[in-house]
PDB file of N, CA and C in Angstrom:
ATOM      1  N   UNK A   1       5.938  -8.348 -13.560  1.00  0.00           N
ATOM      2  CA  UNK A   1       7.294  -7.872 -13.774  1.00  0.00           C
ATOM      3  C   UNK A   1       7.685  -8.318 -15.068  1.00  0.00           C
ATOM      4  N   UNK A   2       7.462  -9.459 -15.370  1.00  0.00           N
ATOM      5  CA  UNK A   2       8.102  -9.931 -16.898  1.00  0.00           C
ATOM      6  C   UNK A   2       7.469  -9.234 -18.005  1.00  0.00           C
ATOM      7  N   UNK A   3       5.993  -8.895 -17.666  1.00  0.00           N
ATOM      8  CA  UNK A   3       5.074  -8.431 -18.699  1.00  0.00           C
ATOM      9  C   UNK A   3       6.256  -6.816 -19.364  1.00  0.00           C
ATOM     10  N   UNK A   4       6.627  -6.360 -18.276  1.00  0.00           N
ATOM     11  CA  UNK A   4       6.905  -4.943 -18.543  1.00  0.00           C
ATOM     12  C   UNK A   4       8.332  -4.838 -19.144  1.00  0.00           C
ATOM     13  N   UNK A   5       9.159  -6.243 -19.170  1.00  0.00           N
ATOM     14  CA  UNK A   5      10.484  -6.267 -19.477  1.00  0.00           C
ATOM     15  C   UNK A   5      11.209  -5.466 -18.926  1.00  0.00           C
ATOM     16  N   UNK A   6      11.213  -5.133 -17.720  1.00  0.00           N
ATOM     17  CA  UNK A   6      12.156  -4.340 -16.969  1.00  0.00           C
ATOM     18  C   UNK A   6      12.592  -5.080 -15.833  1.00  0.00           C
ATOM     19  N   UNK A   7      13.801  -5.710 -16.005  1.00  0.00           N
ATOM     20  CA  UNK A   7      14.415  -6.481 -15.060  1.00  0.00           C
ATOM     21  C   UNK A   7      14.658  -5.817 -13.484  1.00  0.00           C
ATOM     22  N   UNK A   8      14.786  -4.477 -13.652  1.00  0.00           N
ATOM     23  CA  UNK A   8      15.068  -3.598 -12.522  1.00  0.00           C
ATOM     24  C   UNK A   8      14.011  -3.610 -11.672  1.00  0.00           C
ATOM     25  N   UNK A   9      12.628  -3.493 -12.017  1.00  0.00           N
ATOM     26  CA  UNK A   9      11.597  -3.476 -11.457  1.00  0.00           C
ATOM     27  C   UNK A   9      11.624  -5.025 -10.268  1.00  0.00           C
ATOM     28  N   UNK A  10      11.876  -5.880 -10.825  1.00  0.00           N
ATOM     29  CA  UNK A  10      11.859  -7.234 -10.107  1.00  0.00           C
ATOM     30  C   UNK A  10      13.055  -7.109  -8.996  1.00  0.00           C
ATOM     31  N   UNK A  11      14.061  -6.651  -9.470  1.00  0.00           N
ATOM     32  CA  UNK A  11      15.258  -6.559  -8.432  1.00  0.00           C
ATOM     33  C   UNK A  11      14.863  -5.669  -7.525  1.00  0.00           C
ATOM     34  N   UNK A  12      14.170  -4.735  -7.523  1.00  0.00           N
ATOM     35  CA  UNK A  12      13.927  -3.446  -6.555  1.00  0.00           C
ATOM     36  C   UNK A  12      12.940  -3.994  -5.639  1.00  0.00           C
ATOM     37  N   UNK A  13      11.695  -4.921  -6.265  1.00  0.00           N
ATOM     38  CA  UNK A  13      10.840  -5.120  -5.378  1.00  0.00           C
ATOM     39  C   UNK A  13      11.322  -6.286  -4.698  1.00  0.00           C
ATOM     40  N   UNK A  14      12.198  -7.366  -4.938  1.00  0.00           N
ATOM     41  CA  UNK A  14      12.718  -8.228  -4.175  1.00  0.00           C
ATOM     42  C   UNK A  14      13.555  -7.468  -3.038  1.00  0.00           C
ATOM     43  N   UNK A  15      14.344  -6.363  -3.165  1.00  0.00           N
ATOM     44  CA  UNK A  15      14.905  -6.108  -2.193  1.00  0.00           C
ATOM     45  C   UNK A  15      14.040  -5.101  -1.035  1.00  0.00           C
ATOM     46  N   UNK A  16      12.858  -4.563  -1.305  1.00  0.00           N
ATOM     47  CA  UNK A  16      12.002  -4.178  -0.370  1.00  0.00           C
ATOM     48  C   UNK A  16      10.788  -4.921   0.073  1.00  0.00           C
ATOM     49  N   UNK A  17      10.694  -6.002  -0.474  1.00  0.00           N
ATOM     50  CA  UNK A  17       9.348  -6.797  -0.194  1.00  0.00           C
ATOM     51  C   UNK A  17       9.321  -7.316   1.204  1.00  0.00           C
ATOM     52  N   UNK A  18      10.459  -7.866   1.686  1.00  0.00           N
ATOM     53  CA  UNK A  18      10.485  -8.342   3.125  1.00  0.00           C
ATOM     54  C   UNK A  18      10.362  -7.065   4.128  1.00  0.00           C
ATOM     55  N   UNK A  19      10.778  -5.694   3.872  1.00  0.00           N
ATOM     56  CA  UNK A  19      10.426  -4.784   4.715  1.00  0.00           C
ATOM     57  C   UNK A  19       9.338  -4.055   4.591  1.00  0.00           C
ATOM     58  N   UNK A  20       8.602  -4.145   3.308  1.00  0.00           N
ATOM     59  CA  UNK A  20       7.290  -4.089   3.500  1.00  0.00           C
ATOM     60  C   UNK A  20       6.286  -4.913   4.215  1.00  0.00           C
ATOM     61  N   UNK A  21       6.512  -6.059   3.946  1.00  0.00           N
ATOM     62  CA  UNK A  21       5.868  -6.976   4.994  1.00  0.00           C
ATOM     63  C   UNK A  21       5.986  -6.804   6.255  1.00  0.00           C
ATOM     64  N   UNK A  22       7.098  -6.467   6.874  1.00  0.00           N
ATOM     65  CA  UNK A  22       7.077  -6.269   8.033  1.00  0.00           C
ATOM     66  C   UNK A  22       6.413  -5.140   8.539  1.00  0.00           C
ATOM     67  N   UNK A  23       6.572  -4.154   7.881  1.00  0.00           N
ATOM     68  CA  UNK A  23       5.709  -2.640   8.127  1.00  0.00           C
ATOM     69  C   UNK A  23       4.411  -2.970   8.087  1.00  0.00           C
ATOM     70  N   UNK A  24       3.773  -3.814   7.119  1.00  0.00           N
ATOM     71  CA  UNK A  24       2.393  -3.909   7.214  1.00  0.00           C
ATOM     72  C   UNK A  24       1.763  -4.766   8.383  1.00  0.00           C
ATOM     73  N   UNK A  25       2.685  -5.806   8.729  1.00  0.00           N
ATOM     74  CA  UNK A  25       2.327  -6.611   9.738  1.00  0.00           C
ATOM     75  C   UNK A  25       2.128  -5.727  11.206  1.00  0.00           C
ATOM     76  N   UNK A  26       3.142  -4.822  11.159  1.00  0.00           N
ATOM     77  CA  UNK A  26       3.287  -3.854  12.427  1.00  0.00           C
ATOM     78  C   UNK A  26       2.159  -3.136  12.552  1.00  0.00           C
ATOM     79  N   UNK A  27       1.816  -2.449  11.148  1.00  0.00           N
ATOM     80  CA  UNK A  27       0.584  -1.393  10.868  1.00  0.00           C
ATOM     81  C   UNK A  27      -0.585  -2.217  11.018  1.00  0.00           C
ATOM     82  N   UNK A  28      -1.007  -3.250  10.632  1.00  0.00           N
ATOM     83  CA  UNK A  28      -2.264  -4.096  10.649  1.00  0.00           C
ATOM     84  C   UNK A  28      -2.745  -4.119  12.245  1.00  0.00           C
ATOM     85  N   UNK A  29      -1.563  -4.358  13.019  1.00  0.00           N
ATOM     86  CA  UNK A  29      -1.945  -4.658  14.438  1.00  0.00           C
ATOM     87  C   UNK A  29      -1.941  -3.460  15.245  1.00  0.00           C
ATOM     88  N   UNK A  30      -1.965  -2.218  14.758  1.00  0.00           N
ATOM     89  CA  UNK A  30      -1.881  -1.107  15.455  1.00  0.00           C
ATOM     90  C   UNK A  30      -3.187  -0.431  15.251  1.00  0.00           C
ATOM     91  N   UNK A  31      -3.486   0.751  16.346  1.00  0.00           N
ATOM     92  CA  UNK A  31      -4.654   1.507  16.027  1.00  0.00           C
ATOM     93  C   UNK A  31      -4.828   1.981  14.678  1.00  0.00           C
ATOM     94  N   UNK A  32      -3.720   2.450  14.117  1.00  0.00           N
ATOM     95  CA  UNK A  32      -4.151   2.897  12.790  1.00  0.00           C
ATOM     96  C   UNK A  32      -4.077   2.189  11.769  1.00  0.00           C
ATOM     97  N   UNK A  33      -3.961   0.923  11.975  1.00  0.00           N
ATOM     98  CA  UNK A  33      -3.999  -0.281  11.126  1.00  0.00           C
ATOM     99  C   UNK A  33      -5.487  -0.703  11.227  1.00  0.00           C
ATOM    100  N   UNK A  34      -5.962  -0.647  12.231  1.00  0.00           N
ATOM    101  CA  UNK A  34      -7.305  -1.408  12.528  1.00  0.00           C
ATOM    102  C   UNK A  34      -8.276  -0.972  11.385  1.00  0.00           C
ATOM    103  N   UNK A  35      -8.175   0.105  10.868  1.00  0.00           N
ATOM    104  CA  UNK A  35      -9.300   0.270   9.739  1.00  0.00           C
ATOM    105  C   UNK A  35      -8.740   0.031   8.217  1.00  0.00           C
ATOM    106  N   UNK A  36      -7.600  -0.776   8.188  1.00  0.00           N
ATOM    107  CA  UNK A  36      -7.153  -1.083   6.719  1.00  0.00           C
ATOM    108  C   UNK A  36      -8.051  -1.906   6.163  1.00  0.00           C
ATOM    109  N   UNK A  37      -8.713  -2.862   6.672  1.00  0.00           N
ATOM    110  CA  UNK A  37      -9.713  -3.862   5.915  1.00  0.00           C
ATOM    111  C   UNK A  37     -10.552  -3.028   5.414  1.00  0.00           C
ATOM    112  N   UNK A  38     -11.448  -1.741   5.669  1.00  0.00           N
ATOM    113  CA  UNK A  38     -12.296  -0.966   5.338  1.00  0.00           C
ATOM    114  C   UNK A  38     -11.721  -0.114   4.178  1.00  0.00           C
ATOM    115  N   UNK A  39     -10.365   0.090   4.504  1.00  0.00           N
ATOM    116  CA  UNK A  39      -9.664   0.881   3.433  1.00  0.00           C
ATOM    117  C   UNK A  39      -9.646  -0.094   2.312  1.00  0.00           C
ATOM    118  N   UNK A  40      -8.987  -1.223   2.231  1.00  0.00           N
ATOM    119  CA  UNK A  40      -9.208  -2.115   0.906  1.00  0.00           C
ATOM    120  C   UNK A  40     -10.447  -2.331   0.411  1.00  0.00           C
ATOM    121  N   UNK A  41     -11.488  -2.516   1.125  1.00  0.00           N
ATOM    122  CA  UNK A  41     -12.864  -2.471   0.717  1.00  0.00           C
ATOM    123  C   UNK A  41     -13.000  -1.386  -0.250  1.00  0.00           C
ATOM    124  N   UNK A  42     -13.069  -0.322   0.103  1.00  0.00           N
ATOM    125  CA  UNK A  42     -13.319   0.911  -0.601  1.00  0.00           C
ATOM    126  C   UNK A  42     -12.423   0.857  -1.804  1.00  0.00           C
ATOM    127  N   UNK A  43     -11.146   0.522  -1.768  1.00  0.00           N
ATOM    128  CA  UNK A  43     -10.442   0.445  -2.906  1.00  0.00           C
ATOM    129  C   UNK A  43     -11.090  -0.490  -3.963  1.00  0.00           C
ATOM    130  N   UNK A  44     -11.389  -1.850  -3.381  1.00  0.00           N
ATOM    131  CA  UNK A  44     -12.206  -2.591  -4.364  1.00  0.00           C
ATOM    132  C   UNK A  44     -13.336  -2.439  -4.645  1.00  0.00           C
ATOM    133  N   UNK A  45     -14.108  -1.608  -4.103  1.00  0.00           N
ATOM    134  CA  UNK A  45     -15.494  -0.955  -4.639  1.00  0.00           C
ATOM    135  C   UNK A  45     -15.112   0.120  -5.684  1.00  0.00           C
ATOM    136  N   UNK A  46     -14.238   0.939  -5.320  1.00  0.00           N
ATOM    137  CA  UNK A  46     -13.784   2.006  -6.586  1.00  0.00           C
ATOM    138  C   UNK A  46     -13.289   1.383  -7.749  1.00  0.00           C
ATOM    139  N   UNK A  47     -12.636   0.267  -7.530  1.00  0.00           N
ATOM    140  CA  UNK A  47     -12.191  -0.481  -8.891  1.00  0.00           C
ATOM    141  C   UNK A  47     -13.536  -1.093  -9.454  1.00  0.00           C
ATOM    142  N   UNK A  48     -14.376  -1.650  -8.797  1.00  0.00           N
ATOM    143  CA  UNK A  48     -15.380  -2.399  -9.299  1.00  0.00           C
ATOM    144  C   UNK A  48     -16.391  -1.598  -9.955  1.00  0.00           C
ATOM    145  N   UNK A  49     -16.344  -0.156  -9.529  1.00  0.00           N
ATOM    146  CA  UNK A  49     -17.317   0.873 -10.030  1.00  0.00           C
ATOM    147  C   UNK A  49     -16.696   1.433 -11.446  1.00  0.00           C
ATOM    148  N   UNK A  50     -15.174   1.041 -11.541  1.00  0.00           N
ATOM    149  CA  UNK A  50     -14.538   1.729 -12.449  1.00  0.00           C
ATOM    150  C   UNK A  50     -13.830   3.209 -12.360  1.00  0.00           C
ATOM    151  N   UNK A  51     -13.716   3.497 -10.812  1.00  0.00           N
ATOM    152  CA  UNK A  51     -13.404   4.638 -10.486  1.00  0.00           C
ATOM    153  C   UNK A  51     -12.034   4.589 -10.151  1.00  0.00           C
ATOM    154  N   UNK A  52     -11.171   4.425 -11.580  1.00  0.00           N
ATOM    155  CA  UNK A  52      -9.580   4.039 -11.315  1.00  0.00           C
ATOM    156  C   UNK A  52      -8.885   5.315 -10.686  1.00  0.00           C
ATOM    157  N   UNK A  53      -9.038   6.555 -10.842  1.00  0.00           N
ATOM    158  CA  UNK A  53      -8.550   7.621 -10.078  1.00  0.00           C
ATOM    159  C   UNK A  53      -8.589   7.583  -8.309  1.00  0.00           C
ATOM    160  N   UNK A  54     -10.065   7.400  -7.995  1.00  0.00           N
ATOM    161  CA  UNK A  54     -10.371   7.170  -6.864  1.00  0.00           C
ATOM    162  C   UNK A  54      -9.642   5.891  -6.018  1.00  0.00           C
ATOM    163  N   UNK A  55      -9.695   4.857  -6.729  1.00  0.00           N
ATOM    164  CA  UNK A  55      -8.843   3.736  -6.350  1.00  0.00           C
ATOM    165  C   UNK A  55      -7.564   3.885  -5.966  1.00  0.00           C
ATOM    166  N   UNK A  56      -6.835   4.763  -6.862  1.00  0.00           N
ATOM    167  CA  UNK A  56      -5.301   4.832  -7.068  1.00  0.00           C
ATOM    168  C   UNK A  56      -4.990   6.160  -5.727  1.00  0.00           C
ATOM    169  N   UNK A  57      -6.129   7.047  -5.760  1.00  0.00           N
ATOM    170  CA  UNK A  57      -5.823   7.938  -4.506  1.00  0.00           C
ATOM    171  C   UNK A  57      -6.087   7.063  -3.269  1.00  0.00           C
ATOM    172  N   UNK A  58      -7.034   6.310  -2.913  1.00  0.00           N
ATOM    173  CA  UNK A  58      -7.185   5.461  -1.663  1.00  0.00           C
ATOM    174  C   UNK A  58      -5.887   4.516  -1.449  1.00  0.00           C
ATOM    175  N   UNK A  59      -5.504   4.089  -2.510  1.00  0.00           N
ATOM    176  CA  UNK A  59      -4.292   3.044  -2.252  1.00  0.00           C
ATOM    177  C   UNK A  59      -2.945   4.030  -1.893  1.00  0.00           C
ATOM    178  N   UNK A  60      -2.858   4.871  -2.660  1.00  0.00           N
ATOM    179  CA  UNK A  60      -1.869   5.888  -2.231  1.00  0.00           C
ATOM    180  C   UNK A  60      -2.163   6.178  -0.659  1.00  0.00           C
ATOM    181  N   UNK A  61      -3.274   6.936  -0.148  1.00  0.00           N
ATOM    182  CA  UNK A  61      -3.566   7.231   1.242  1.00  0.00           C
ATOM    183  C   UNK A  61      -2.970   5.707   2.254  1.00  0.00           C
ATOM    184  N   UNK A  62      -3.573   4.674   1.695  1.00  0.00           N
ATOM    185  CA  UNK A  62      -3.423   3.460   2.560  1.00  0.00           C
ATOM    186  C   UNK A  62      -1.963   3.210   2.728  1.00  0.00           C
ATOM    187  N   UNK A  63      -1.127   3.327   1.613  1.00  0.00           N
ATOM    188  CA  UNK A  63       0.288   3.019   1.682  1.00  0.00           C
ATOM    189  C   UNK A  63       0.940   4.079   2.517  1.00  0.00           C
ATOM    190  N   UNK A  64       0.830   5.487   2.455  1.00  0.00           N
ATOM    191  CA  UNK A  64       1.225   6.450   3.158  1.00  0.00           C
ATOM    192  C   UNK A  64       0.895   6.188   4.617  1.00  0.00           C
ATOM    193  N   UNK A  65      -0.133   5.566   5.037  1.00  0.00           N
ATOM    194  CA  UNK A  65      -0.149   5.376   6.478  1.00  0.00           C
ATOM    195  C   UNK A  65       0.681   4.200   6.840  1.00  0.00           C
ATOM    196  N   UNK A  66       1.451   3.651   6.006  1.00  0.00           N
ATOM    197  CA  UNK A  66       2.607   2.654   6.691  1.00  0.00           C
ATOM    198  C   UNK A  66       3.943   3.492   6.936  1.00  0.00           C
ATOM    199  N   UNK A  67       4.081   4.587   6.437  1.00  0.00           N
ATOM    200  CA  UNK A  67       4.982   5.272   6.609  1.00  0.00           C
ATOM    201  C   UNK A  67       5.219   5.955   8.083  1.00  0.00           C
ATOM    202  N   UNK A  68       6.235   6.002   8.827  1.00  0.00           N
ATOM    203  CA  UNK A  68       6.307   6.362  10.064  1.00  0.00           C
ATOM    204  C   UNK A  68       6.024   7.861  10.309  1.00  0.00           C
ATOM    205  N   UNK A  69       4.983   8.293  11.303  1.00  0.00           N
ATOM    206  CA  UNK A  69       5.007   9.843  11.346  1.00  0.00           C
ATOM    207  C   UNK A  69       6.109  10.657  11.329  1.00  0.00           C
ATOM    208  N   UNK A  70       5.903  11.750  10.550  1.00  0.00           N
ATOM    209  CA  UNK A  70       7.308  12.769  10.741  1.00  0.00           C
ATOM    210  C   UNK A  70       7.268  13.710  11.961  1.00  0.00           C
ATOM    211  N   UNK A  71       8.212  13.478  12.654  1.00  0.00           N
ATOM    212  CA  UNK A  71       8.415  14.460  13.920  1.00  0.00           C
ATOM    213  C   UNK A  71       8.886  15.629  13.568  1.00  0.00           C
ATOM    214  N   UNK A  72       8.283  16.769  13.992  1.00  0.00           N
ATOM    215  CA  UNK A  72       8.590  18.112  13.863  1.00  0.00           C
ATOM    216  C   UNK A  72       9.314  18.260  15.212  1.00  0.00           C
ATOM    217  N   UNK A  73      10.434  19.083  15.091  1.00  0.00           N
ATOM    218  CA  UNK A  73      11.294  19.455  16.506  1.00  0.00           C
ATOM    219  C   UNK A  73      10.856  21.033  16.554  1.00  0.00           C
TER     220      UNK A  73
END
């Protein structure tokens, strides 16, 4: 955060880190989170192979799984 020189990033991350950690804890223990280790391995593999866009997409998909499902009425 210091490298980018933008103090707002650090402030924002401080305000959401606890919430994200709680959400991750609940997610990993759930049925939808049980495949999280496999997702992280796939992300690491993509990075090791130099497939940055694939790693970014896998990361995005992993994070979106943390969001509660949208209920339609």
